[in-house]
Amino acid sequence: MSSFEGKMNLEEYFQRIGFHGPHDKVNLASLKLIHKLHVMTIPFENLSIHCGEWVTMDLEDIFNKLVRSSRGGWCLESNYLFGWVLREMGFKVTMLSSKVFNSVLNDFAPGEDHLIYLVEIDGKVYLADVSFGVSSQIWEPLELISGKDQPQGAGVFRLINKEDIWILEKTCRKPVVVNPEFSSSSLVNNVQTFQIYCFTLEPRGVEHFKERSHFLQTSPTSLFTNKSICCQQTPTGFKVLVGLVYSVVTYKPEEGVDILDMKYITEDELDEVLKEQFNVRLQKKCMPSNKKTCYKL
């Protein structure tokens, strides 16, 4: 049997993320574990757009790409897959849409581009999101409770409820940039507390995202057509390639700082860096892009 034969199955997904626990435990501990393993194993990346590949919202295509082909994906792939996994395991899951904060507009973007989930366990509700990337990535689900500080590796996350809208925000540490060449880089975030995205509790289906998926892959104003991104969370922070800027970020909560080690790589080094640092193997040539648009590590 070739790697692209056979139906989607949980065993292959669990093998991909390194999950060896009981598969029939529909509890918070299991949810936290597979959430963290997913973000530590499957990169947040949009390289298909820069390889001339079309990103579909067909779940079997996504499974073959992210589970069987040593690739990552963006939220419309990775979170969509994660929701399928949770349902197959028996979790009670609701798909939602969210609007990502744009610091240039100083407001949330008009389009509901980001796919997320609510998971209900023992009468409590949790936000699950395995595909936002960089320092805004939660490692474990957040309890849907307003105003509660929920510390994780990246900083302190907080959900704020304003009437029927929920806002995810984060308080982070001071960035320390190792290479002076990047001290004024637009990729460096110097805002201590910032909003990430907002959402309502209105359930969505996959059809809600198909038009946005087309827009994000084709519009000259889309972040994803302007920047090629590959990000992998690590036990100590994350590593990310934006265009040809490779960054390793190390969280130092005991010192109140994040260490950003940033450098340029060459186009000739691209495939090797993707393979060695992100376990990503491309089938087509990637044209790296880092055009000027709003994006912070």
Protein backbone atom coordinates (compact mmCIF):
# COMPACT_ATOMS: atom_id res chain seq x y z
CA MET A 1 0.00 0.00 0.00
CA SER A 2 1.40 3.39 -0.95
CA SER A 3 1.36 6.32 1.45
CA PHE A 4 -1.64 7.80 -0.37
CA GLU A 5 -3.88 4.75 -0.23
CA GLY A 6 -6.47 3.97 2.36
CA LYS A 7 -9.01 6.03 4.22
CA MET A 8 -8.18 8.63 6.85
CA ASN A 9 -7.66 6.99 10.22
CA LEU A 10 -6.80 8.11 13.72
CA GLU A 11 -3.91 5.66 14.09
CA GLU A 12 -1.91 7.36 11.34
CA TYR A 13 -2.62 10.80 12.82
CA PHE A 14 -1.60 9.66 16.31
CA GLN A 15 1.59 8.18 14.90
CA ARG A 16 2.30 11.48 13.10
CA ILE A 17 2.05 13.55 16.31
CA GLY A 18 3.56 10.90 18.63
CA PHE A 19 0.45 10.27 20.72
CA HIS A 20 0.62 6.92 22.53
CA GLY A 21 -2.08 7.40 25.15
CA PRO A 22 -5.49 5.75 25.29
CA HIS A 23 -7.60 6.83 22.33
CA ASP A 24 -10.96 6.47 24.05
CA LYS A 25 -10.41 9.01 26.84
CA VAL A 26 -12.70 11.97 26.11
CA ASN A 27 -11.34 14.19 28.86
CA LEU A 28 -9.41 17.42 29.35
CA ALA A 29 -6.07 15.67 29.87
CA SER A 30 -6.33 13.92 26.49
CA LEU A 31 -7.42 17.15 24.77
CA LYS A 32 -4.50 19.08 26.24
CA LEU A 33 -2.01 16.39 25.25
CA ILE A 34 -3.04 15.96 21.62
CA HIS A 35 -3.38 19.75 21.23
CA LYS A 36 0.19 20.26 22.42
CA LEU A 37 1.59 17.35 20.42
CA HIS A 38 -0.09 18.68 17.27
CA VAL A 39 1.44 22.17 17.55
CA MET A 40 4.84 20.68 18.39
CA THR A 41 4.78 18.35 15.38
CA ILE A 42 2.74 19.80 12.49
CA PRO A 43 4.07 23.16 11.29
CA PHE A 44 1.96 26.22 10.62
CA GLU A 45 2.89 26.94 6.99
CA ASN A 46 1.53 28.41 3.76
CA LEU A 47 4.26 27.21 1.40
CA SER A 48 1.84 25.65 -1.08
CA ILE A 49 0.81 29.13 -2.18
CA HIS A 50 4.46 29.89 -2.99
CA CYS A 51 4.97 26.56 -4.77
CA GLY A 52 2.12 27.01 -7.22
CA GLU A 53 -0.09 24.48 -5.41
CA TRP A 54 -3.77 25.07 -4.70
CA VAL A 55 -4.86 24.60 -1.07
CA THR A 56 -8.17 22.75 -0.92
CA MET A 57 -10.59 22.26 1.94
CA ASP A 58 -11.10 18.61 1.08
CA LEU A 59 -10.43 16.74 4.30
CA GLU A 60 -8.86 13.71 2.61
CA ASP A 61 -6.48 15.98 0.68
CA ILE A 62 -5.56 17.70 3.96
CA PHE A 63 -5.01 14.36 5.71
CA ASN A 64 -2.72 13.15 2.91
CA LYS A 65 -0.74 16.39 3.01
CA LEU A 66 -0.36 16.94 6.77
CA VAL A 67 -0.29 13.33 8.00
CA ARG A 68 1.23 11.36 5.13
CA SER A 69 3.40 13.84 3.22
CA SER A 70 5.61 15.53 5.84
CA ARG A 71 3.93 18.89 5.46
CA GLY A 72 2.14 21.44 7.61
CA GLY A 73 -0.68 23.79 6.76
CA TRP A 74 -2.59 26.90 7.72
CA CYS A 75 -5.68 27.04 9.94
CA LEU A 76 -8.10 26.05 7.17
CA GLU A 77 -6.15 22.80 6.91
CA SER A 78 -4.59 22.09 10.28
CA ASN A 79 -7.49 23.20 12.50
CA TYR A 80 -9.99 21.56 10.15
CA LEU A 81 -8.06 18.29 10.49
CA PHE A 82 -7.85 18.69 14.26
CA GLY A 83 -11.61 19.09 14.51
CA TRP A 84 -12.09 15.85 12.57
CA VAL A 85 -9.73 14.10 14.99
CA LEU A 86 -11.63 15.37 18.03
CA ARG A 87 -14.99 14.29 16.62
CA GLU A 88 -13.64 10.85 15.73
CA MET A 89 -12.40 10.51 19.32
CA GLY A 90 -15.86 11.41 20.63
CA PHE A 91 -15.37 15.02 21.74
CA LYS A 92 -18.25 17.49 21.48
CA VAL A 93 -16.87 20.10 19.06
CA THR A 94 -18.23 23.31 17.51
CA MET A 95 -16.52 24.99 14.55
CA LEU A 96 -16.31 28.81 14.78
CA SER A 97 -14.90 31.61 12.65
CA SER A 98 -12.80 34.51 13.91
CA LYS A 99 -11.45 37.86 12.73
CA VAL A 100 -7.71 38.38 13.15
CA PHE A 101 -6.46 41.68 14.59
CA ASN A 102 -4.63 43.92 12.12
CA SER A 103 -2.21 46.35 13.77
CA VAL A 104 -2.11 48.59 10.68
CA LEU A 105 -5.88 49.03 10.75
CA ASN A 106 -5.79 49.00 14.57
CA ASP A 107 -8.91 46.88 14.32
CA PHE A 108 -10.02 43.37 13.51
CA ALA A 109 -9.92 42.46 9.83
CA PRO A 110 -13.32 42.47 8.11
CA GLY A 111 -13.06 38.88 6.89
CA GLU A 112 -13.72 35.87 9.15
CA ASP A 113 -10.56 34.10 8.01
CA HIS A 114 -9.47 32.05 11.01
CA LEU A 115 -11.07 28.69 11.81
CA ILE A 116 -11.19 27.67 15.49
CA TYR A 117 -13.12 25.25 17.73
CA LEU A 118 -14.98 25.16 20.99
CA VAL A 119 -14.78 21.85 22.86
CA GLU A 120 -17.20 21.02 25.67
CA ILE A 121 -16.01 18.72 28.43
CA ASP A 122 -17.83 18.04 31.71
CA GLY A 123 -19.92 21.19 31.43
CA LYS A 124 -16.95 23.46 30.71
CA VAL A 125 -16.06 24.95 27.32
CA TYR A 126 -12.54 25.33 25.89
CA LEU A 127 -11.06 27.15 22.89
CA ALA A 128 -8.92 24.86 20.73
CA ASP A 129 -6.61 26.32 18.07
CA VAL A 130 -3.59 24.39 16.79
CA SER A 131 -2.82 26.63 13.81
CA PHE A 132 -2.06 30.29 14.42
CA GLY A 133 1.72 30.11 14.64
CA VAL A 134 4.57 32.17 16.11
CA SER A 135 4.20 33.63 19.62
CA SER A 136 0.40 33.89 19.39
CA GLN A 137 0.07 30.09 19.26
CA ILE A 138 -1.60 28.52 22.29
CA TRP A 139 -0.03 25.20 23.24
CA GLU A 140 -3.05 23.96 25.18
CA PRO A 141 -6.77 24.81 24.98
CA LEU A 142 -8.01 27.87 26.87
CA GLU A 143 -11.03 27.75 29.13
CA LEU A 144 -13.81 29.96 27.77
CA ILE A 145 -14.05 32.24 30.78
CA SER A 146 -13.86 36.02 30.61
CA GLY A 147 -10.97 37.93 32.16
CA LYS A 148 -9.05 34.94 33.53
CA ASP A 149 -5.25 34.99 33.10
CA GLN A 150 -4.21 31.68 31.51
CA PRO A 151 -0.39 31.48 31.48
CA GLN A 152 1.34 29.30 28.88
CA GLY A 153 4.84 29.10 27.41
CA ALA A 154 4.36 32.08 25.10
CA GLY A 155 2.98 34.39 27.81
CA VAL A 156 -0.33 35.07 29.50
CA PHE A 157 -3.40 34.53 27.34
CA ARG A 158 -6.77 36.02 28.22
CA LEU A 159 -10.28 35.76 26.80
CA ILE A 160 -12.43 38.87 27.17
CA ASN A 161 -16.20 38.76 26.64
CA LYS A 162 -17.84 41.97 25.37
CA GLU A 163 -21.58 41.42 24.82
CA ASP A 164 -21.72 38.64 22.20
CA ILE A 165 -18.08 38.99 21.10
CA TRP A 166 -15.10 37.17 22.60
CA ILE A 167 -11.59 38.60 22.21
CA LEU A 168 -8.37 36.61 22.60
CA GLU A 169 -5.48 38.72 23.86
CA LYS A 170 -2.00 38.05 25.13
CA THR A 171 0.52 39.72 27.43
CA CYS A 172 4.05 38.87 26.40
CA ARG A 173 7.60 39.40 27.55
CA LYS A 174 10.17 41.87 26.26
CA PRO A 175 11.88 40.75 23.02
CA VAL A 176 15.68 40.67 23.04
CA VAL A 177 17.08 40.54 19.49
CA VAL A 178 20.50 38.86 19.33
CA ASN A 179 21.57 40.12 15.89
CA PRO A 180 21.65 43.97 15.82
CA GLU A 181 20.86 43.84 12.10
CA PHE A 182 17.28 42.86 13.02
CA SER A 183 16.76 45.15 16.03
CA SER A 184 14.37 47.37 14.05
CA SER A 185 12.81 44.58 11.98
CA SER A 186 9.07 44.89 11.34
CA LEU A 187 8.80 41.23 12.40
CA VAL A 188 9.71 42.08 16.01
CA ASN A 189 6.72 42.74 18.25
CA ASN A 190 7.30 45.46 20.86
CA VAL A 191 3.72 45.70 22.14
CA GLN A 192 3.36 44.11 25.57
CA THR A 193 -0.37 43.33 25.47
CA PHE A 194 -2.14 42.86 22.16
CA GLN A 195 -5.31 41.40 20.70
CA ILE A 196 -5.02 38.30 18.52
CA TYR A 197 -8.53 37.66 17.19
CA CYS A 198 -12.20 37.98 18.05
CA PHE A 199 -15.13 35.60 17.54
CA THR A 200 -18.77 34.98 18.32
CA LEU A 201 -20.25 31.65 19.40
CA GLU A 202 -22.22 31.23 16.17
CA PRO A 203 -21.52 27.72 14.81
CA ARG A 204 -20.00 27.52 11.34
CA GLY A 205 -19.69 24.82 8.70
CA VAL A 206 -16.78 24.30 6.34
CA GLU A 207 -18.70 26.01 3.51
CA HIS A 208 -18.36 29.29 5.42
CA PHE A 209 -14.59 29.28 4.79
CA LYS A 210 -14.34 28.27 1.13
CA GLU A 211 -14.69 31.78 -0.29
CA ARG A 212 -12.18 33.10 2.26
CA SER A 213 -9.76 30.32 1.35
CA HIS A 214 -9.88 31.45 -2.29
CA PHE A 215 -9.38 35.09 -1.27
CA LEU A 216 -6.43 34.33 1.01
CA GLN A 217 -4.67 32.39 -1.76
CA THR A 218 -5.23 34.91 -4.54
CA SER A 219 -5.64 38.45 -3.20
CA PRO A 220 -2.59 40.76 -3.47
CA THR A 221 -3.65 42.18 -0.07
CA SER A 222 -3.57 38.79 1.68
CA LEU A 223 -0.83 38.13 4.23
CA PHE A 224 -0.37 34.68 2.76
CA THR A 225 0.35 35.81 -0.81
CA ASN A 226 2.81 38.41 0.49
CA LYS A 227 4.77 36.27 2.94
CA SER A 228 5.90 32.66 2.80
CA ILE A 229 5.74 31.32 6.36
CA CYS A 230 6.78 28.08 8.04
CA CYS A 231 6.61 27.93 11.84
CA GLN A 232 7.20 25.08 14.27
CA GLN A 233 6.55 25.32 18.00
CA THR A 234 9.31 23.85 20.20
CA PRO A 235 9.47 22.96 23.91
CA THR A 236 11.40 26.20 24.52
CA GLY A 237 9.62 28.56 22.08
CA PHE A 238 9.37 28.31 18.31
CA LYS A 239 11.32 28.55 15.06
CA VAL A 240 10.02 30.26 11.96
CA LEU A 241 11.05 30.99 8.40
CA VAL A 242 9.48 34.12 6.89
CA GLY A 243 10.71 34.56 3.35
CA LEU A 244 14.44 34.02 3.84
CA VAL A 245 14.54 35.27 7.45
CA TYR A 246 15.08 32.32 9.79
CA SER A 247 14.37 32.96 13.47
CA VAL A 248 14.74 30.82 16.58
CA VAL A 249 12.78 32.24 19.51
CA THR A 250 13.52 31.05 23.04
CA TYR A 251 11.14 31.88 25.88
CA LYS A 252 12.88 32.96 29.10
CA PRO A 253 9.98 33.50 31.55
CA GLU A 254 12.30 33.48 34.56
CA GLU A 255 14.13 36.48 33.07
CA GLY A 256 10.99 38.16 31.67
CA VAL A 257 12.32 38.13 28.10
CA ASP A 258 12.10 36.25 24.80
CA ILE A 259 15.39 35.75 22.94
CA LEU A 260 15.08 36.26 19.16
CA ASP A 261 17.99 34.82 17.15
CA MET A 262 17.34 36.01 13.59
CA LYS A 263 19.40 35.57 10.44
CA TYR A 264 19.12 35.51 6.66
CA ILE A 265 19.49 32.25 4.78
CA THR A 266 20.12 31.94 1.04
CA GLU A 267 17.64 30.58 -1.47
CA ASP A 268 20.02 27.67 -2.04
CA GLU A 269 19.68 26.75 1.65
CA LEU A 270 15.87 26.89 1.65
CA ASP A 271 15.07 23.21 1.03
CA GLU A 272 17.68 22.04 3.52
CA VAL A 273 16.44 24.39 6.26
CA LEU A 274 12.84 23.30 5.67
CA LYS A 275 13.84 19.64 5.85
CA GLU A 276 16.26 19.84 8.78
CA GLN A 277 14.49 22.42 10.96
CA PHE A 278 10.81 21.82 10.13
CA ASN A 279 10.71 18.28 8.72
CA VAL A 280 9.00 19.77 5.65
CA ARG A 281 9.71 18.24 2.25
CA LEU A 282 8.41 20.13 -0.76
CA GLN A 283 7.52 18.49 -4.07
CA LYS A 284 7.78 21.75 -6.04
CA LYS A 285 10.17 24.69 -5.95
CA CYS A 286 9.21 27.36 -3.42
CA MET A 287 9.55 31.04 -4.27
CA PRO A 288 10.15 32.63 -0.84
CA SER A 289 8.41 35.94 -0.21
CA ASN A 290 8.67 38.55 2.53
CA LYS A 291 6.90 41.60 1.15
CA LYS A 292 6.02 44.48 3.43
CA THR A 293 2.77 43.69 5.22
CA CYS A 294 1.63 43.43 8.82
CA TYR A 295 3.12 40.33 10.49
CA LYS A 296 4.80 39.95 13.88
CA LEU A 297 6.68 37.08 15.44
